[in-house]
């Protein structure tokens, strides 16, 4: 079992930046591929990006490339989502998720953190 807790959300003006953190507890963090997702108000949850277990490779949806970046510190059991040049349409609840290496899908989810971008 892995517990995930996101933090760092809040209200920011358009053009600003936020860094979200997701701290994991439970099983060894380095065994998991980590992903970030978001759910805008009134919409389905959508994939933002992911990072491999050792942090060597990241992948982002095309629409967010260049503005969002994911990193991790396995010594701190933490994955980060750096969001720059934020837009009102980035307003959403942001979730981190953990996937067991070699598995399919994501096995554990955090409770989410609200990000609101004002125009």
N, C-alpha and C. Protein backbone atom coordinates (compact mmCIF):
# COMPACT_ATOMS: atom_id res chain seq x y z
N UNK A 1 0.84 -1.19 0.00
CA UNK A 1 0.00 0.00 0.00
C UNK A 1 0.88 1.25 0.00
N UNK A 2 0.46 2.23 -0.76
CA UNK A 2 1.18 3.51 -0.83
C UNK A 2 0.18 4.62 -0.55
N UNK A 3 0.56 5.53 0.28
CA UNK A 3 -0.26 6.71 0.54
C UNK A 3 0.40 7.91 -0.12
N UNK A 4 -0.40 8.70 -0.79
CA UNK A 4 0.10 9.87 -1.52
C UNK A 4 -0.61 11.12 -1.01
N UNK A 5 0.16 12.15 -0.73
CA UNK A 5 -0.41 13.40 -0.25
C UNK A 5 0.16 14.56 -1.07
N UNK A 6 -0.73 15.23 -1.79
CA UNK A 6 -0.32 16.38 -2.58
C UNK A 6 -0.40 17.66 -1.75
N UNK A 7 0.39 18.63 -2.14
CA UNK A 7 0.35 19.95 -1.52
C UNK A 7 0.90 20.97 -2.52
N UNK A 8 0.72 22.24 -2.18
CA UNK A 8 1.28 23.29 -3.02
C UNK A 8 0.28 24.00 -3.90
N UNK A 9 -0.95 23.53 -3.89
CA UNK A 9 -1.96 24.20 -4.69
C UNK A 9 -2.35 25.53 -4.09
N UNK A 10 -3.15 26.28 -4.83
CA UNK A 10 -3.60 27.57 -4.34
C UNK A 10 -4.10 28.44 -5.46
N UNK A 11 -4.22 29.71 -5.16
CA UNK A 11 -4.71 30.71 -6.11
C UNK A 11 -3.52 31.49 -6.65
N UNK A 12 -3.44 31.59 -7.96
CA UNK A 12 -2.34 32.30 -8.60
C UNK A 12 -2.88 33.07 -9.79
N UNK A 13 -2.25 34.19 -10.09
CA UNK A 13 -2.66 34.96 -11.26
C UNK A 13 -2.11 34.33 -12.53
N UNK A 14 -2.82 34.58 -13.61
CA UNK A 14 -2.35 34.10 -14.91
C UNK A 14 -0.92 34.59 -15.16
N UNK A 15 -0.10 33.70 -15.69
CA UNK A 15 1.29 34.01 -15.92
C UNK A 15 2.20 33.61 -14.78
N UNK A 16 1.63 33.28 -13.65
CA UNK A 16 2.40 32.90 -12.49
C UNK A 16 2.81 31.44 -12.52
N UNK A 17 3.45 31.03 -11.43
CA UNK A 17 3.96 29.67 -11.32
C UNK A 17 3.56 29.05 -9.99
N UNK A 18 3.49 27.75 -10.00
CA UNK A 18 3.27 26.98 -8.78
C UNK A 18 4.07 25.70 -8.89
N UNK A 19 4.50 25.20 -7.75
CA UNK A 19 5.12 23.88 -7.72
C UNK A 19 4.31 23.00 -6.77
N UNK A 20 3.78 21.95 -7.30
CA UNK A 20 3.06 20.98 -6.49
C UNK A 20 4.03 19.89 -6.03
N UNK A 21 3.76 19.40 -4.85
CA UNK A 21 4.54 18.29 -4.31
C UNK A 21 3.60 17.13 -4.00
N UNK A 22 4.14 15.96 -4.07
CA UNK A 22 3.39 14.75 -3.73
C UNK A 22 4.34 13.86 -2.94
N UNK A 23 4.01 13.68 -1.68
CA UNK A 23 4.85 12.86 -0.80
C UNK A 23 4.23 11.48 -0.66
N UNK A 24 5.05 10.47 -0.83
CA UNK A 24 4.58 9.09 -0.73
C UNK A 24 5.07 8.44 0.54
N UNK A 25 4.24 7.60 1.10
CA UNK A 25 4.64 6.80 2.25
C UNK A 25 4.14 5.38 2.03
N UNK A 26 4.79 4.46 2.71
CA UNK A 26 4.41 3.07 2.54
C UNK A 26 5.53 2.31 1.87
N UNK A 27 5.27 1.67 0.78
CA UNK A 27 6.27 0.86 0.08
C UNK A 27 7.34 1.74 -0.57
N UNK A 28 8.50 1.17 -0.87
CA UNK A 28 9.58 1.97 -1.45
C UNK A 28 9.16 2.78 -2.66
N UNK A 29 9.35 4.07 -2.54
CA UNK A 29 8.92 5.01 -3.57
C UNK A 29 9.60 4.72 -4.90
N UNK A 30 10.83 4.30 -4.88
CA UNK A 30 11.60 4.09 -6.11
C UNK A 30 11.06 2.95 -6.97
N UNK A 31 10.11 2.21 -6.47
CA UNK A 31 9.52 1.11 -7.25
C UNK A 31 8.38 1.57 -8.14
N UNK A 32 8.03 2.85 -8.05
CA UNK A 32 6.83 3.30 -8.73
C UNK A 32 7.12 4.35 -9.79
N UNK A 33 6.46 4.16 -10.92
CA UNK A 33 6.35 5.23 -11.90
C UNK A 33 5.29 6.19 -11.38
N UNK A 34 5.53 7.47 -11.48
CA UNK A 34 4.61 8.46 -10.94
C UNK A 34 3.99 9.29 -12.05
N UNK A 35 2.74 9.59 -11.86
CA UNK A 35 2.03 10.41 -12.83
C UNK A 35 1.30 11.57 -12.16
N UNK A 36 1.04 12.58 -12.95
CA UNK A 36 0.19 13.70 -12.52
C UNK A 36 -1.02 13.75 -13.44
N UNK A 37 -2.15 14.02 -12.83
CA UNK A 37 -3.40 14.17 -13.55
C UNK A 37 -4.08 15.43 -13.03
N UNK A 38 -5.10 15.86 -13.77
CA UNK A 38 -5.88 16.99 -13.29
C UNK A 38 -7.32 16.84 -13.73
N UNK A 39 -8.20 17.45 -12.96
CA UNK A 39 -9.62 17.43 -13.29
C UNK A 39 -10.15 18.86 -13.23
N UNK A 40 -10.36 19.48 -14.39
CA UNK A 40 -10.94 20.81 -14.42
C UNK A 40 -12.39 20.77 -13.96
N UNK A 41 -12.92 21.89 -13.52
CA UNK A 41 -14.31 21.89 -13.05
C UNK A 41 -15.27 21.46 -14.15
N UNK A 42 -16.12 20.49 -13.81
CA UNK A 42 -17.12 20.03 -14.74
C UNK A 42 -16.61 19.13 -15.85
N UNK A 43 -15.34 18.72 -15.76
CA UNK A 43 -14.77 17.90 -16.82
C UNK A 43 -14.20 16.60 -16.27
N UNK A 44 -13.83 15.71 -17.19
CA UNK A 44 -13.23 14.45 -16.79
C UNK A 44 -11.77 14.67 -16.36
N UNK A 45 -11.29 13.75 -15.58
CA UNK A 45 -9.88 13.80 -15.19
C UNK A 45 -9.02 13.53 -16.42
N UNK A 46 -7.92 14.27 -16.53
CA UNK A 46 -7.04 14.13 -17.69
C UNK A 46 -5.60 13.95 -17.26
N UNK A 47 -4.87 13.29 -18.12
CA UNK A 47 -3.46 13.01 -17.87
C UNK A 47 -2.63 14.26 -18.13
N UNK A 48 -1.67 14.51 -17.24
CA UNK A 48 -0.77 15.64 -17.40
C UNK A 48 0.62 15.17 -17.86
N UNK A 49 1.17 14.21 -17.13
CA UNK A 49 2.50 13.71 -17.47
C UNK A 49 2.93 12.64 -16.49
N UNK A 50 4.09 12.07 -16.74
CA UNK A 50 4.59 11.01 -15.88
C UNK A 50 6.11 11.04 -15.85
N UNK A 51 6.65 10.31 -14.88
CA UNK A 51 8.10 10.21 -14.73
C UNK A 51 8.43 8.78 -14.33
N UNK A 52 9.52 8.28 -14.88
CA UNK A 52 9.92 6.91 -14.57
C UNK A 52 10.39 6.79 -13.12
N UNK A 53 10.54 5.57 -12.68
CA UNK A 53 10.85 5.32 -11.27
C UNK A 53 12.19 5.94 -10.85
N UNK A 54 13.15 5.99 -11.77
CA UNK A 54 14.45 6.56 -11.41
C UNK A 54 14.58 8.02 -11.84
N UNK A 55 13.53 8.56 -12.40
CA UNK A 55 13.53 9.96 -12.78
C UNK A 55 14.24 10.28 -14.08
N UNK A 56 14.63 9.27 -14.82
CA UNK A 56 15.43 9.51 -16.02
C UNK A 56 14.61 9.99 -17.21
N UNK A 57 13.34 9.67 -17.22
CA UNK A 57 12.52 9.98 -18.39
C UNK A 57 11.18 10.57 -17.94
N UNK A 58 10.77 11.60 -18.65
CA UNK A 58 9.46 12.20 -18.41
C UNK A 58 8.68 12.23 -19.72
N UNK A 59 7.37 12.32 -19.56
CA UNK A 59 6.49 12.41 -20.72
C UNK A 59 5.36 13.35 -20.36
N UNK A 60 4.98 14.20 -21.32
CA UNK A 60 3.92 15.18 -21.08
C UNK A 60 2.94 15.17 -22.24
N UNK A 61 1.72 15.54 -21.94
CA UNK A 61 0.78 15.76 -23.03
C UNK A 61 1.29 16.95 -23.84
N UNK A 62 1.06 16.91 -25.12
CA UNK A 62 1.61 17.92 -26.01
C UNK A 62 1.22 19.34 -25.61
N UNK A 63 0.00 19.50 -25.16
CA UNK A 63 -0.50 20.84 -24.87
C UNK A 63 0.20 21.49 -23.69
N UNK A 64 0.89 20.70 -22.86
CA UNK A 64 1.53 21.24 -21.67
C UNK A 64 3.05 21.26 -21.77
N UNK A 65 3.58 20.70 -22.83
CA UNK A 65 5.04 20.69 -22.99
C UNK A 65 5.58 22.12 -23.00
N UNK A 66 6.66 22.30 -22.28
CA UNK A 66 7.29 23.61 -22.23
C UNK A 66 6.83 24.47 -21.08
N UNK A 67 5.65 24.16 -20.52
CA UNK A 67 5.16 24.93 -19.37
C UNK A 67 5.20 24.11 -18.08
N UNK A 68 4.95 22.83 -18.19
CA UNK A 68 4.92 21.96 -17.01
C UNK A 68 6.13 21.03 -17.04
N UNK A 69 6.67 20.73 -15.87
CA UNK A 69 7.74 19.76 -15.79
C UNK A 69 7.61 18.94 -14.51
N UNK A 70 7.98 17.69 -14.62
CA UNK A 70 7.88 16.75 -13.51
C UNK A 70 9.28 16.31 -13.11
N UNK A 71 9.50 16.25 -11.82
CA UNK A 71 10.77 15.75 -11.30
C UNK A 71 10.48 14.95 -10.04
N UNK A 72 11.46 14.25 -9.56
CA UNK A 72 11.26 13.48 -8.33
C UNK A 72 12.57 13.41 -7.56
N UNK A 73 12.40 13.24 -6.26
CA UNK A 73 13.53 13.04 -5.36
C UNK A 73 13.23 11.77 -4.58
N UNK A 74 13.83 10.69 -4.99
CA UNK A 74 13.52 9.42 -4.36
C UNK A 74 14.00 9.36 -2.91
N UNK A 75 15.00 10.13 -2.59
CA UNK A 75 15.47 10.17 -1.20
C UNK A 75 14.45 10.82 -0.28
N UNK A 76 13.60 11.67 -0.86
CA UNK A 76 12.57 12.36 -0.08
C UNK A 76 11.17 11.78 -0.34
N UNK A 77 11.12 10.72 -1.15
CA UNK A 77 9.82 10.10 -1.47
C UNK A 77 8.84 11.12 -2.04
N UNK A 78 9.34 12.00 -2.89
CA UNK A 78 8.53 13.12 -3.36
C UNK A 78 8.66 13.27 -4.87
N UNK A 79 7.51 13.54 -5.48
CA UNK A 79 7.46 13.91 -6.89
C UNK A 79 6.89 15.31 -6.98
N UNK A 80 7.39 16.07 -7.95
CA UNK A 80 7.01 17.46 -8.09
C UNK A 80 6.38 17.73 -9.46
N UNK A 81 5.53 18.72 -9.48
CA UNK A 81 5.01 19.22 -10.75
C UNK A 81 5.22 20.73 -10.74
N UNK A 82 6.15 21.17 -11.57
CA UNK A 82 6.41 22.59 -11.71
C UNK A 82 5.55 23.13 -12.84
N UNK A 83 4.76 24.13 -12.54
CA UNK A 83 3.84 24.71 -13.52
C UNK A 83 4.17 26.18 -13.71
N UNK A 84 4.51 26.54 -14.92
CA UNK A 84 4.88 27.92 -15.26
C UNK A 84 3.90 28.50 -16.27
N UNK A 85 3.93 29.81 -16.37
CA UNK A 85 3.07 30.52 -17.32
C UNK A 85 1.63 30.02 -17.23
N UNK A 86 1.13 29.96 -16.03
CA UNK A 86 -0.20 29.38 -15.81
C UNK A 86 -1.29 30.20 -16.49
N UNK A 87 -2.30 29.47 -16.93
CA UNK A 87 -3.44 30.06 -17.63
C UNK A 87 -4.72 29.71 -16.85
N UNK A 88 -5.76 30.50 -17.03
CA UNK A 88 -7.02 30.18 -16.34
C UNK A 88 -7.50 28.76 -16.64
N UNK A 89 -7.25 28.27 -17.84
CA UNK A 89 -7.68 26.92 -18.19
C UNK A 89 -6.88 25.82 -17.49
N UNK A 90 -5.84 26.21 -16.77
CA UNK A 90 -5.12 25.23 -15.94
C UNK A 90 -5.80 25.01 -14.60
N UNK A 91 -6.84 25.78 -14.33
CA UNK A 91 -7.59 25.60 -13.09
C UNK A 91 -8.16 24.19 -13.02
N UNK A 92 -7.84 23.50 -11.93
CA UNK A 92 -8.26 22.10 -11.80
C UNK A 92 -7.83 21.59 -10.43
N UNK A 93 -8.34 20.43 -10.09
CA UNK A 93 -7.78 19.68 -8.97
C UNK A 93 -6.69 18.78 -9.56
N UNK A 94 -5.52 18.86 -8.98
CA UNK A 94 -4.38 18.11 -9.47
C UNK A 94 -4.11 16.91 -8.56
N UNK A 95 -3.89 15.78 -9.19
CA UNK A 95 -3.68 14.53 -8.47
C UNK A 95 -2.35 13.91 -8.88
N UNK A 96 -1.67 13.31 -7.92
CA UNK A 96 -0.55 12.45 -8.27
C UNK A 96 -1.01 11.00 -8.12
N UNK A 97 -0.32 10.14 -8.84
CA UNK A 97 -0.68 8.73 -8.83
C UNK A 97 0.58 7.90 -8.98
N UNK A 98 0.54 6.69 -8.44
CA UNK A 98 1.69 5.79 -8.47
C UNK A 98 1.33 4.51 -9.20
N UNK A 99 2.23 4.09 -10.06
CA UNK A 99 2.03 2.86 -10.83
C UNK A 99 3.18 1.90 -10.56
N UNK A 100 2.85 0.68 -10.27
CA UNK A 100 3.87 -0.33 -10.03
C UNK A 100 4.63 -0.59 -11.33
N UNK A 101 5.93 -0.68 -11.23
CA UNK A 101 6.75 -0.94 -12.42
C UNK A 101 6.32 -2.25 -13.06
N UNK A 102 6.09 -2.20 -14.36
CA UNK A 102 5.68 -3.40 -15.08
C UNK A 102 4.19 -3.61 -15.11
N UNK A 103 3.47 -2.84 -14.34
CA UNK A 103 2.02 -2.97 -14.33
C UNK A 103 1.37 -2.06 -15.36
N UNK A 104 0.07 -2.08 -15.38
CA UNK A 104 -0.68 -1.21 -16.28
C UNK A 104 -1.57 -0.32 -15.43
N UNK A 105 -1.70 0.89 -15.84
CA UNK A 105 -2.54 1.80 -15.08
C UNK A 105 -1.86 2.27 -13.82
N UNK A 106 -2.59 3.03 -13.05
CA UNK A 106 -2.09 3.59 -11.80
C UNK A 106 -2.82 2.94 -10.64
N UNK A 107 -2.04 2.58 -9.65
CA UNK A 107 -2.57 1.77 -8.56
C UNK A 107 -2.98 2.58 -7.34
N UNK A 108 -2.34 3.71 -7.13
CA UNK A 108 -2.61 4.52 -5.94
C UNK A 108 -2.75 5.98 -6.34
N UNK A 109 -3.65 6.66 -5.62
CA UNK A 109 -3.96 8.05 -5.94
C UNK A 109 -3.95 8.90 -4.69
N UNK A 110 -3.53 10.16 -4.86
CA UNK A 110 -3.65 11.10 -3.78
C UNK A 110 -5.04 11.70 -3.74
N UNK A 111 -5.25 12.58 -2.78
CA UNK A 111 -6.58 13.17 -2.59
C UNK A 111 -6.79 14.41 -3.45
N UNK A 112 -5.70 14.92 -4.01
CA UNK A 112 -5.79 16.07 -4.90
C UNK A 112 -5.53 17.39 -4.19
N UNK A 113 -5.08 18.35 -4.98
CA UNK A 113 -4.87 19.70 -4.48
C UNK A 113 -5.41 20.68 -5.51
N UNK A 114 -6.12 21.68 -5.04
CA UNK A 114 -6.80 22.63 -5.93
C UNK A 114 -5.83 23.69 -6.43
N UNK A 115 -5.84 23.90 -7.72
CA UNK A 115 -5.10 25.00 -8.33
C UNK A 115 -6.11 25.89 -9.05
N UNK A 116 -6.10 27.16 -8.71
CA UNK A 116 -7.00 28.12 -9.34
C UNK A 116 -6.17 29.24 -9.93
N UNK A 117 -6.35 29.47 -11.21
CA UNK A 117 -5.61 30.51 -11.91
C UNK A 117 -6.59 31.61 -12.29
N UNK A 118 -6.35 32.79 -11.78
CA UNK A 118 -7.24 33.92 -12.07
C UNK A 118 -6.73 34.71 -13.26
N UNK A 119 -7.67 35.29 -14.00
CA UNK A 119 -7.29 36.05 -15.20
C UNK A 119 -7.04 37.50 -14.88
